[in-house]
Amino acid sequence: MTVEDLIVLTAMKIVIEPIFEADFHKCSYGYRPKRGAKQASLVIREDLYQQAWGVVEIDFQSYFTSIPHEKLLKLINVSSGLDYFFI
């Protein structure tokens, strides 16, 4: 990966991340900025002490390599309004 590639990736992240962050639930912790496994564990513990009924953990093994990329790009276009980025 070149320096130019890294610059483009960083610029895209700066533009796209806030758009999609707005759609995440407050209780979602996976692969999100300023959120990690330790924070998730603390929140789970607090919820369980406050009578939560359970915890759900999902591991999508090889999921991201099996996504139909054409459909994914269409969904990104619809939800982000960034048609000109994803052709």
PDB file of N, CA and C in Angstrom:
ATOM      1  N   MET A   1       0.852  -1.170   0.000  1.00  0.00           N
ATOM      2  CA  MET A   1       0.000   0.000   0.000  1.00  0.00           C
ATOM      3  C   MET A   1       0.902   1.239   0.000  1.00  0.00           C
ATOM      4  N   THR A   2       0.574   2.184  -0.841  1.00  0.00           N
ATOM      5  CA  THR A   2       1.406   3.379  -0.969  1.00  0.00           C
ATOM      6  C   THR A   2       0.935   4.465  -0.005  1.00  0.00           C
ATOM      7  N   VAL A   3       1.743   5.492   0.125  1.00  0.00           N
ATOM      8  CA  VAL A   3       1.376   6.643   0.941  1.00  0.00           C
ATOM      9  C   VAL A   3       0.107   7.284   0.388  1.00  0.00           C
ATOM     10  N   GLU A   4       0.014   7.352  -0.939  1.00  0.00           N
ATOM     11  CA  GLU A   4      -1.179   7.933  -1.564  1.00  0.00           C
ATOM     12  C   GLU A   4      -2.425   7.129  -1.214  1.00  0.00           C
ATOM     13  N   ASP A   5      -2.296   5.798  -1.213  1.00  0.00           N
ATOM     14  CA  ASP A   5      -3.420   4.936  -0.825  1.00  0.00           C
ATOM     15  C   ASP A   5      -3.869   5.237   0.600  1.00  0.00           C
ATOM     16  N   LEU A   6      -2.908   5.357   1.499  1.00  0.00           N
ATOM     17  CA  LEU A   6      -3.229   5.635   2.900  1.00  0.00           C
ATOM     18  C   LEU A   6      -3.912   6.992   3.061  1.00  0.00           C
ATOM     19  N   ILE A   7      -3.475   7.970   2.290  1.00  0.00           N
ATOM     20  CA  ILE A   7      -4.095   9.299   2.346  1.00  0.00           C
ATOM     21  C   ILE A   7      -5.546   9.224   1.886  1.00  0.00           C
ATOM     22  N   VAL A   8      -5.785   8.514   0.778  1.00  0.00           N
ATOM     23  CA  VAL A   8      -7.151   8.372   0.262  1.00  0.00           C
ATOM     24  C   VAL A   8      -8.023   7.613   1.261  1.00  0.00           C
ATOM     25  N   LEU A   9      -7.511   6.516   1.832  1.00  0.00           N
ATOM     26  CA  LEU A   9      -8.273   5.746   2.812  1.00  0.00           C
ATOM     27  C   LEU A   9      -8.627   6.588   4.031  1.00  0.00           C
ATOM     28  N   THR A  10      -7.682   7.360   4.507  1.00  0.00           N
ATOM     29  CA  THR A  10      -7.929   8.223   5.665  1.00  0.00           C
ATOM     30  C   THR A  10      -8.978   9.285   5.349  1.00  0.00           C
ATOM     31  N   ALA A  11      -8.879   9.885   4.178  1.00  0.00           N
ATOM     32  CA  ALA A  11      -9.861  10.896   3.772  1.00  0.00           C
ATOM     33  C   ALA A  11     -11.254  10.293   3.669  1.00  0.00           C
ATOM     34  N   MET A  12     -11.343   9.094   3.083  1.00  0.00           N
ATOM     35  CA  MET A  12     -12.645   8.427   2.969  1.00  0.00           C
ATOM     36  C   MET A  12     -13.209   8.112   4.340  1.00  0.00           C
ATOM     37  N   LYS A  13     -12.370   7.674   5.258  1.00  0.00           N
ATOM     38  CA  LYS A  13     -12.813   7.359   6.618  1.00  0.00           C
ATOM     39  C   LYS A  13     -13.367   8.610   7.293  1.00  0.00           C
ATOM     40  N   ILE A  14     -12.695   9.720   7.130  1.00  0.00           N
ATOM     41  CA  ILE A  14     -13.134  10.974   7.742  1.00  0.00           C
ATOM     42  C   ILE A  14     -14.507  11.389   7.210  1.00  0.00           C
ATOM     43  N   VAL A  15     -14.748  11.161   5.932  1.00  0.00           N
ATOM     44  CA  VAL A  15     -16.028  11.547   5.322  1.00  0.00           C
ATOM     45  C   VAL A  15     -17.136  10.555   5.663  1.00  0.00           C
ATOM     46  N   ILE A  16     -16.850   9.263   5.540  1.00  0.00           N
ATOM     47  CA  ILE A  16     -17.892   8.243   5.634  1.00  0.00           C
ATOM     48  C   ILE A  16     -18.233   7.848   7.070  1.00  0.00           C
ATOM     49  N   GLU A  17     -17.245   7.778   7.944  1.00  0.00           N
ATOM     50  CA  GLU A  17     -17.476   7.269   9.295  1.00  0.00           C
ATOM     51  C   GLU A  17     -18.598   7.988  10.040  1.00  0.00           C
ATOM     52  N   PRO A  18     -18.653   9.310  10.065  1.00  0.00           N
ATOM     53  CA  PRO A  18     -19.740   9.977  10.802  1.00  0.00           C
ATOM     54  C   PRO A  18     -21.127   9.674  10.229  1.00  0.00           C
ATOM     55  N   ILE A  19     -21.205   9.456   8.946  1.00  0.00           N
ATOM     56  CA  ILE A  19     -22.497   9.159   8.311  1.00  0.00           C
ATOM     57  C   ILE A  19     -23.037   7.834   8.833  1.00  0.00           C
ATOM     58  N   PHE A  20     -22.198   6.821   8.871  1.00  0.00           N
ATOM     59  CA  PHE A  20     -22.659   5.509   9.303  1.00  0.00           C
ATOM     60  C   PHE A  20     -22.707   5.377  10.821  1.00  0.00           C
ATOM     61  N   GLU A  21     -21.880   6.100  11.539  1.00  0.00           N
ATOM     62  CA  GLU A  21     -21.922   6.078  12.997  1.00  0.00           C
ATOM     63  C   GLU A  21     -23.294   6.498  13.509  1.00  0.00           C
ATOM     64  N   ALA A  22     -23.930   7.426  12.823  1.00  0.00           N
ATOM     65  CA  ALA A  22     -25.238   7.917  13.246  1.00  0.00           C
ATOM     66  C   ALA A  22     -26.294   6.813  13.241  1.00  0.00           C
ATOM     67  N   ASP A  23     -26.088   5.751  12.456  1.00  0.00           N
ATOM     68  CA  ASP A  23     -27.063   4.665  12.360  1.00  0.00           C
ATOM     69  C   ASP A  23     -26.864   3.565  13.402  1.00  0.00           C
ATOM     70  N   PHE A  24     -25.720   3.537  14.065  1.00  0.00           N
ATOM     71  CA  PHE A  24     -25.458   2.485  15.037  1.00  0.00           C
ATOM     72  C   PHE A  24     -26.231   2.715  16.328  1.00  0.00           C
ATOM     73  N   HIS A  25     -26.599   1.621  16.975  1.00  0.00           N
ATOM     74  CA  HIS A  25     -27.239   1.707  18.283  1.00  0.00           C
ATOM     75  C   HIS A  25     -26.189   2.060  19.331  1.00  0.00           C
ATOM     76  N   LYS A  26     -26.623   2.725  20.375  1.00  0.00           N
ATOM     77  CA  LYS A  26     -25.720   3.125  21.453  1.00  0.00           C
ATOM     78  C   LYS A  26     -25.041   1.898  22.084  1.00  0.00           C
ATOM     79  N   CYS A  27     -25.727   0.760  22.073  1.00  0.00           N
ATOM     80  CA  CYS A  27     -25.199  -0.442  22.725  1.00  0.00           C
ATOM     81  C   CYS A  27     -24.265  -1.255  21.827  1.00  0.00           C
ATOM     82  N   SER A  28     -23.976  -0.780  20.629  1.00  0.00           N
ATOM     83  CA  SER A  28     -23.098  -1.492  19.703  1.00  0.00           C
ATOM     84  C   SER A  28     -21.641  -1.083  19.943  1.00  0.00           C
ATOM     85  N   TYR A  29     -20.773  -2.087  20.113  1.00  0.00           N
ATOM     86  CA  TYR A  29     -19.381  -1.787  20.432  1.00  0.00           C
ATOM     87  C   TYR A  29     -18.374  -2.329  19.431  1.00  0.00           C
ATOM     88  N   GLY A  30     -18.756  -3.216  18.547  1.00  0.00           N
ATOM     89  CA  GLY A  30     -17.802  -3.859  17.646  1.00  0.00           C
ATOM     90  C   GLY A  30     -17.257  -2.940  16.577  1.00  0.00           C
ATOM     91  N   TYR A  31     -15.943  -2.832  16.495  1.00  0.00           N
ATOM     92  CA  TYR A  31     -15.232  -2.089  15.448  1.00  0.00           C
ATOM     93  C   TYR A  31     -15.736  -0.656  15.309  1.00  0.00           C
ATOM     94  N   ARG A  32     -15.892   0.029  16.429  1.00  0.00           N
ATOM     95  CA  ARG A  32     -16.361   1.400  16.397  1.00  0.00           C
ATOM     96  C   ARG A  32     -15.317   2.305  17.026  1.00  0.00           C
ATOM     97  N   PRO A  33     -15.233   3.533  16.544  1.00  0.00           N
ATOM     98  CA  PRO A  33     -14.237   4.450  17.109  1.00  0.00           C
ATOM     99  C   PRO A  33     -14.544   4.770  18.571  1.00  0.00           C
ATOM    100  N   LYS A  34     -13.505   4.812  19.360  1.00  0.00           N
ATOM    101  CA  LYS A  34     -13.580   5.153  20.781  1.00  0.00           C
ATOM    102  C   LYS A  34     -14.449   4.185  21.579  1.00  0.00           C
ATOM    103  N   ARG A  35     -14.584   2.940  21.093  1.00  0.00           N
ATOM    104  CA  ARG A  35     -15.318   1.912  21.811  1.00  0.00           C
ATOM    105  C   ARG A  35     -14.521   0.618  21.683  1.00  0.00           C
ATOM    106  N   GLY A  36     -14.431  -0.105  22.789  1.00  0.00           N
ATOM    107  CA  GLY A  36     -13.637  -1.330  22.742  1.00  0.00           C
ATOM    108  C   GLY A  36     -14.243  -2.425  23.595  1.00  0.00           C
ATOM    109  N   ALA A  37     -13.554  -3.548  23.640  1.00  0.00           N
ATOM    110  CA  ALA A  37     -14.032  -4.724  24.359  1.00  0.00           C
ATOM    111  C   ALA A  37     -14.142  -4.460  25.865  1.00  0.00           C
ATOM    112  N   LYS A  38     -13.207  -3.706  26.423  1.00  0.00           N
ATOM    113  CA  LYS A  38     -13.269  -3.413  27.863  1.00  0.00           C
ATOM    114  C   LYS A  38     -14.500  -2.580  28.199  1.00  0.00           C
ATOM    115  N   GLN A  39     -14.808  -1.591  27.364  1.00  0.00           N
ATOM    116  CA  GLN A  39     -16.009  -0.782  27.587  1.00  0.00           C
ATOM    117  C   GLN A  39     -17.258  -1.647  27.460  1.00  0.00           C
ATOM    118  N   ALA A  40     -17.287  -2.511  26.459  1.00  0.00           N
ATOM    119  CA  ALA A  40     -18.434  -3.397  26.258  1.00  0.00           C
ATOM    120  C   ALA A  40     -18.625  -4.296  27.478  1.00  0.00           C
ATOM    121  N   SER A  41     -17.533  -4.834  28.021  1.00  0.00           N
ATOM    122  CA  SER A  41     -17.619  -5.706  29.195  1.00  0.00           C
ATOM    123  C   SER A  41     -18.186  -4.961  30.399  1.00  0.00           C
ATOM    124  N   LEU A  42     -17.767  -3.732  30.598  1.00  0.00           N
ATOM    125  CA  LEU A  42     -18.289  -2.936  31.716  1.00  0.00           C
ATOM    126  C   LEU A  42     -19.777  -2.662  31.557  1.00  0.00           C
ATOM    127  N   VAL A  43     -20.190  -2.334  30.357  1.00  0.00           N
ATOM    128  CA  VAL A  43     -21.602  -2.063  30.101  1.00  0.00           C
ATOM    129  C   VAL A  43     -22.438  -3.322  30.303  1.00  0.00           C
ATOM    130  N   ILE A  44     -21.929  -4.460  29.832  1.00  0.00           N
ATOM    131  CA  ILE A  44     -22.646  -5.728  30.021  1.00  0.00           C
ATOM    132  C   ILE A  44     -22.803  -6.025  31.508  1.00  0.00           C
ATOM    133  N   ARG A  45     -21.731  -5.851  32.255  1.00  0.00           N
ATOM    134  CA  ARG A  45     -21.790  -6.102  33.697  1.00  0.00           C
ATOM    135  C   ARG A  45     -22.816  -5.194  34.363  1.00  0.00           C
ATOM    136  N   GLU A  46     -22.812  -3.916  34.027  1.00  0.00           N
ATOM    137  CA  GLU A  46     -23.786  -2.977  34.602  1.00  0.00           C
ATOM    138  C   GLU A  46     -25.215  -3.383  34.250  1.00  0.00           C
ATOM    139  N   ASP A  47     -25.432  -3.753  32.982  1.00  0.00           N
ATOM    140  CA  ASP A  47     -26.769  -4.159  32.551  1.00  0.00           C
ATOM    141  C   ASP A  47     -27.237  -5.418  33.274  1.00  0.00           C
ATOM    142  N   LEU A  48     -26.341  -6.378  33.460  1.00  0.00           N
ATOM    143  CA  LEU A  48     -26.726  -7.606  34.148  1.00  0.00           C
ATOM    144  C   LEU A  48     -27.065  -7.340  35.612  1.00  0.00           C
ATOM    145  N   TYR A  49     -26.358  -6.420  36.246  1.00  0.00           N
ATOM    146  CA  TYR A  49     -26.678  -6.063  37.626  1.00  0.00           C
ATOM    147  C   TYR A  49     -28.017  -5.337  37.719  1.00  0.00           C
ATOM    148  N   GLN A  50     -28.420  -4.725  36.628  1.00  0.00           N
ATOM    149  CA  GLN A  50     -29.688  -3.981  36.608  1.00  0.00           C
ATOM    150  C   GLN A  50     -30.809  -4.829  36.008  1.00  0.00           C
ATOM    151  N   GLN A  51     -30.738  -6.131  36.177  1.00  0.00           N
ATOM    152  CA  GLN A  51     -31.800  -7.057  35.770  1.00  0.00           C
ATOM    153  C   GLN A  51     -31.911  -7.291  34.268  1.00  0.00           C
ATOM    154  N   ALA A  52     -30.854  -7.107  33.504  1.00  0.00           N
ATOM    155  CA  ALA A  52     -30.906  -7.479  32.088  1.00  0.00           C
ATOM    156  C   ALA A  52     -31.118  -8.989  32.025  1.00  0.00           C
ATOM    157  N   TRP A  53     -31.744  -9.473  30.982  1.00  0.00           N
ATOM    158  CA  TRP A  53     -32.076 -10.895  30.920  1.00  0.00           C
ATOM    159  C   TRP A  53     -31.044 -11.734  30.179  1.00  0.00           C
ATOM    160  N   GLY A  54     -30.080 -11.101  29.508  1.00  0.00           N
ATOM    161  CA  GLY A  54     -29.065 -11.897  28.830  1.00  0.00           C
ATOM    162  C   GLY A  54     -28.149 -11.068  27.974  1.00  0.00           C
ATOM    163  N   VAL A  55     -27.211 -11.755  27.354  1.00  0.00           N
ATOM    164  CA  VAL A  55     -26.219 -11.119  26.499  1.00  0.00           C
ATOM    165  C   VAL A  55     -26.170 -11.890  25.184  1.00  0.00           C
ATOM    166  N   VAL A  56     -26.034 -11.179  24.080  1.00  0.00           N
ATOM    167  CA  VAL A  56     -25.922 -11.821  22.778  1.00  0.00           C
ATOM    168  C   VAL A  56     -24.564 -11.486  22.185  1.00  0.00           C
ATOM    169  N   GLU A  57     -23.827 -12.517  21.801  1.00  0.00           N
ATOM    170  CA  GLU A  57     -22.557 -12.324  21.109  1.00  0.00           C
ATOM    171  C   GLU A  57     -22.630 -13.121  19.819  1.00  0.00           C
ATOM    172  N   ILE A  58     -22.310 -12.462  18.725  1.00  0.00           N
ATOM    173  CA  ILE A  58     -22.378 -13.119  17.428  1.00  0.00           C
ATOM    174  C   ILE A  58     -21.014 -13.020  16.759  1.00  0.00           C
ATOM    175  N   ASP A  59     -20.551 -14.135  16.229  1.00  0.00           N
ATOM    176  CA  ASP A  59     -19.288 -14.163  15.502  1.00  0.00           C
ATOM    177  C   ASP A  59     -19.583 -14.622  14.084  1.00  0.00           C
ATOM    178  N   PHE A  60     -19.496 -13.709  13.147  1.00  0.00           N
ATOM    179  CA  PHE A  60     -19.770 -14.015  11.755  1.00  0.00           C
ATOM    180  C   PHE A  60     -18.478 -14.490  11.089  1.00  0.00           C
ATOM    181  N   GLN A  61     -18.164 -15.763  11.236  1.00  0.00           N
ATOM    182  CA  GLN A  61     -16.934 -16.291  10.662  1.00  0.00           C
ATOM    183  C   GLN A  61     -16.982 -16.197   9.140  1.00  0.00           C
ATOM    184  N   SER A  62     -16.000 -15.564   8.580  1.00  0.00           N
ATOM    185  CA  SER A  62     -15.855 -15.392   7.131  1.00  0.00           C
ATOM    186  C   SER A  62     -17.006 -14.614   6.496  1.00  0.00           C
ATOM    187  N   TYR A  63     -17.777 -13.926   7.294  1.00  0.00           N
ATOM    188  CA  TYR A  63     -18.937 -13.197   6.755  1.00  0.00           C
ATOM    189  C   TYR A  63     -18.521 -12.128   5.754  1.00  0.00           C
ATOM    190  N   PHE A  64     -17.531 -11.340   6.100  1.00  0.00           N
ATOM    191  CA  PHE A  64     -17.174 -10.205   5.253  1.00  0.00           C
ATOM    192  C   PHE A  64     -16.539 -10.616   3.933  1.00  0.00           C
ATOM    193  N   THR A  65     -16.017 -11.824   3.868  1.00  0.00           N
ATOM    194  CA  THR A  65     -15.474 -12.288   2.594  1.00  0.00           C
ATOM    195  C   THR A  65     -16.557 -12.870   1.692  1.00  0.00           C
ATOM    196  N   SER A  66     -17.750 -13.092   2.244  1.00  0.00           N
ATOM    197  CA  SER A  66     -18.830 -13.673   1.445  1.00  0.00           C
ATOM    198  C   SER A  66     -19.910 -12.658   1.064  1.00  0.00           C
ATOM    199  N   ILE A  67     -19.740 -11.409   1.441  1.00  0.00           N
ATOM    200  CA  ILE A  67     -20.725 -10.374   1.125  1.00  0.00           C
ATOM    201  C   ILE A  67     -20.745 -10.126  -0.379  1.00  0.00           C
ATOM    202  N   PRO A  68     -21.940 -10.100  -1.000  1.00  0.00           N
ATOM    203  CA  PRO A  68     -22.010  -9.722  -2.410  1.00  0.00           C
ATOM    204  C   PRO A  68     -21.701  -8.221  -2.541  1.00  0.00           C
ATOM    205  N   HIS A  69     -20.538  -7.890  -3.036  1.00  0.00           N
ATOM    206  CA  HIS A  69     -20.055  -6.515  -2.999  1.00  0.00           C
ATOM    207  C   HIS A  69     -20.904  -5.543  -3.820  1.00  0.00           C
ATOM    208  N   GLU A  70     -21.495  -5.989  -4.912  1.00  0.00           N
ATOM    209  CA  GLU A  70     -22.360  -5.096  -5.694  1.00  0.00           C
ATOM    210  C   GLU A  70     -23.549  -4.640  -4.865  1.00  0.00           C
ATOM    211  N   LYS A  71     -24.176  -5.584  -4.171  1.00  0.00           N
ATOM    212  CA  LYS A  71     -25.326  -5.242  -3.314  1.00  0.00           C
ATOM    213  C   LYS A  71     -24.895  -4.333  -2.169  1.00  0.00           C
ATOM    214  N   LEU A  72     -23.741  -4.620  -1.582  1.00  0.00           N
ATOM    215  CA  LEU A  72     -23.231  -3.803  -0.483  1.00  0.00           C
ATOM    216  C   LEU A  72     -23.022  -2.360  -0.925  1.00  0.00           C
ATOM    217  N   LEU A  73     -22.408  -2.174  -2.074  1.00  0.00           N
ATOM    218  CA  LEU A  73     -22.159  -0.823  -2.575  1.00  0.00           C
ATOM    219  C   LEU A  73     -23.467  -0.094  -2.856  1.00  0.00           C
ATOM    220  N   LYS A  74     -24.481  -0.794  -3.355  1.00  0.00           N
ATOM    221  CA  LYS A  74     -25.789  -0.165  -3.574  1.00  0.00           C
ATOM    222  C   LYS A  74     -26.399   0.281  -2.250  1.00  0.00           C
ATOM    223  N   LEU A  75     -26.309  -0.566  -1.221  1.00  0.00           N
ATOM    224  CA  LEU A  75     -26.841  -0.199   0.093  1.00  0.00           C
ATOM    225  C   LEU A  75     -26.096   0.993   0.687  1.00  0.00           C
ATOM    226  N   ILE A  76     -24.789   1.021   0.506  1.00  0.00           N
ATOM    227  CA  ILE A  76     -24.003   2.152   0.996  1.00  0.00           C
ATOM    228  C   ILE A  76     -24.436   3.431   0.290  1.00  0.00           C
ATOM    229  N   ASN A  77     -24.650   3.364  -1.000  1.00  0.00           N
ATOM    230  CA  ASN A  77     -25.101   4.532  -1.755  1.00  0.00           C
ATOM    231  C   ASN A  77     -26.436   5.038  -1.232  1.00  0.00           C
ATOM    232  N   VAL A  78     -27.366   4.132  -1.006  1.00  0.00           N
ATOM    233  CA  VAL A  78     -28.703   4.519  -0.554  1.00  0.00           C
ATOM    234  C   VAL A  78     -28.648   5.156   0.829  1.00  0.00           C
ATOM    235  N   SER A  79     -27.936   4.533   1.765  1.00  0.00           N
ATOM    236  CA  SER A  79     -27.953   5.029   3.133  1.00  0.00           C
ATOM    237  C   SER A  79     -27.049   6.237   3.353  1.00  0.00           C
ATOM    238  N   SER A  80     -26.030   6.403   2.530  1.00  0.00           N
ATOM    239  CA  SER A  80     -25.087   7.503   2.754  1.00  0.00           C
ATOM    240  C   SER A  80     -25.358   8.719   1.900  1.00  0.00           C
ATOM    241  N   GLY A  81     -25.977   8.513   0.737  1.00  0.00           N
ATOM    242  CA  GLY A  81     -26.153   9.621  -0.203  1.00  0.00           C
ATOM    243  C   GLY A  81     -24.855   9.994  -0.901  1.00  0.00           C
ATOM    244  N   LEU A  82     -23.867   9.114  -0.855  1.00  0.00           N
ATOM    245  CA  LEU A  82     -22.558   9.390  -1.459  1.00  0.00           C
ATOM    246  C   LEU A  82     -22.412   8.648  -2.773  1.00  0.00           C
ATOM    247  N   ASP A  83     -23.378   8.772  -3.657  1.00  0.00           N
ATOM    248  CA  ASP A  83     -23.375   8.034  -4.917  1.00  0.00           C
ATOM    249  C   ASP A  83     -22.089   8.215  -5.712  1.00  0.00           C
ATOM    250  N   TYR A  84     -21.518   9.386  -5.656  1.00  0.00           N
ATOM    251  CA  TYR A  84     -20.352   9.644  -6.483  1.00  0.00           C
ATOM    252  C   TYR A  84     -19.100   8.942  -5.966  1.00  0.00           C
ATOM    253  N   PHE A  85     -19.090   8.458  -4.729  1.00  0.00           N
ATOM    254  CA  PHE A  85     -17.938   7.739  -4.213  1.00  0.00           C
ATOM    255  C   PHE A  85     -17.946   6.278  -4.634  1.00  0.00           C
ATOM    256  N   PHE A  86     -19.131   5.669  -4.722  1.00  0.00           N
ATOM    257  CA  PHE A  86     -19.234   4.239  -4.968  1.00  0.00           C
ATOM    258  C   PHE A  86     -19.947   4.003  -6.290  1.00  0.00           C
ATOM    259  N   ILE A  87     -19.186   3.748  -7.291  1.00  0.00           N
ATOM    260  CA  ILE A  87     -19.763   3.549  -8.631  1.00  0.00           C
ATOM    261  C   ILE A  87     -19.786   2.066  -8.941  1.00  0.00           C
TER     262      ILE A  87
END
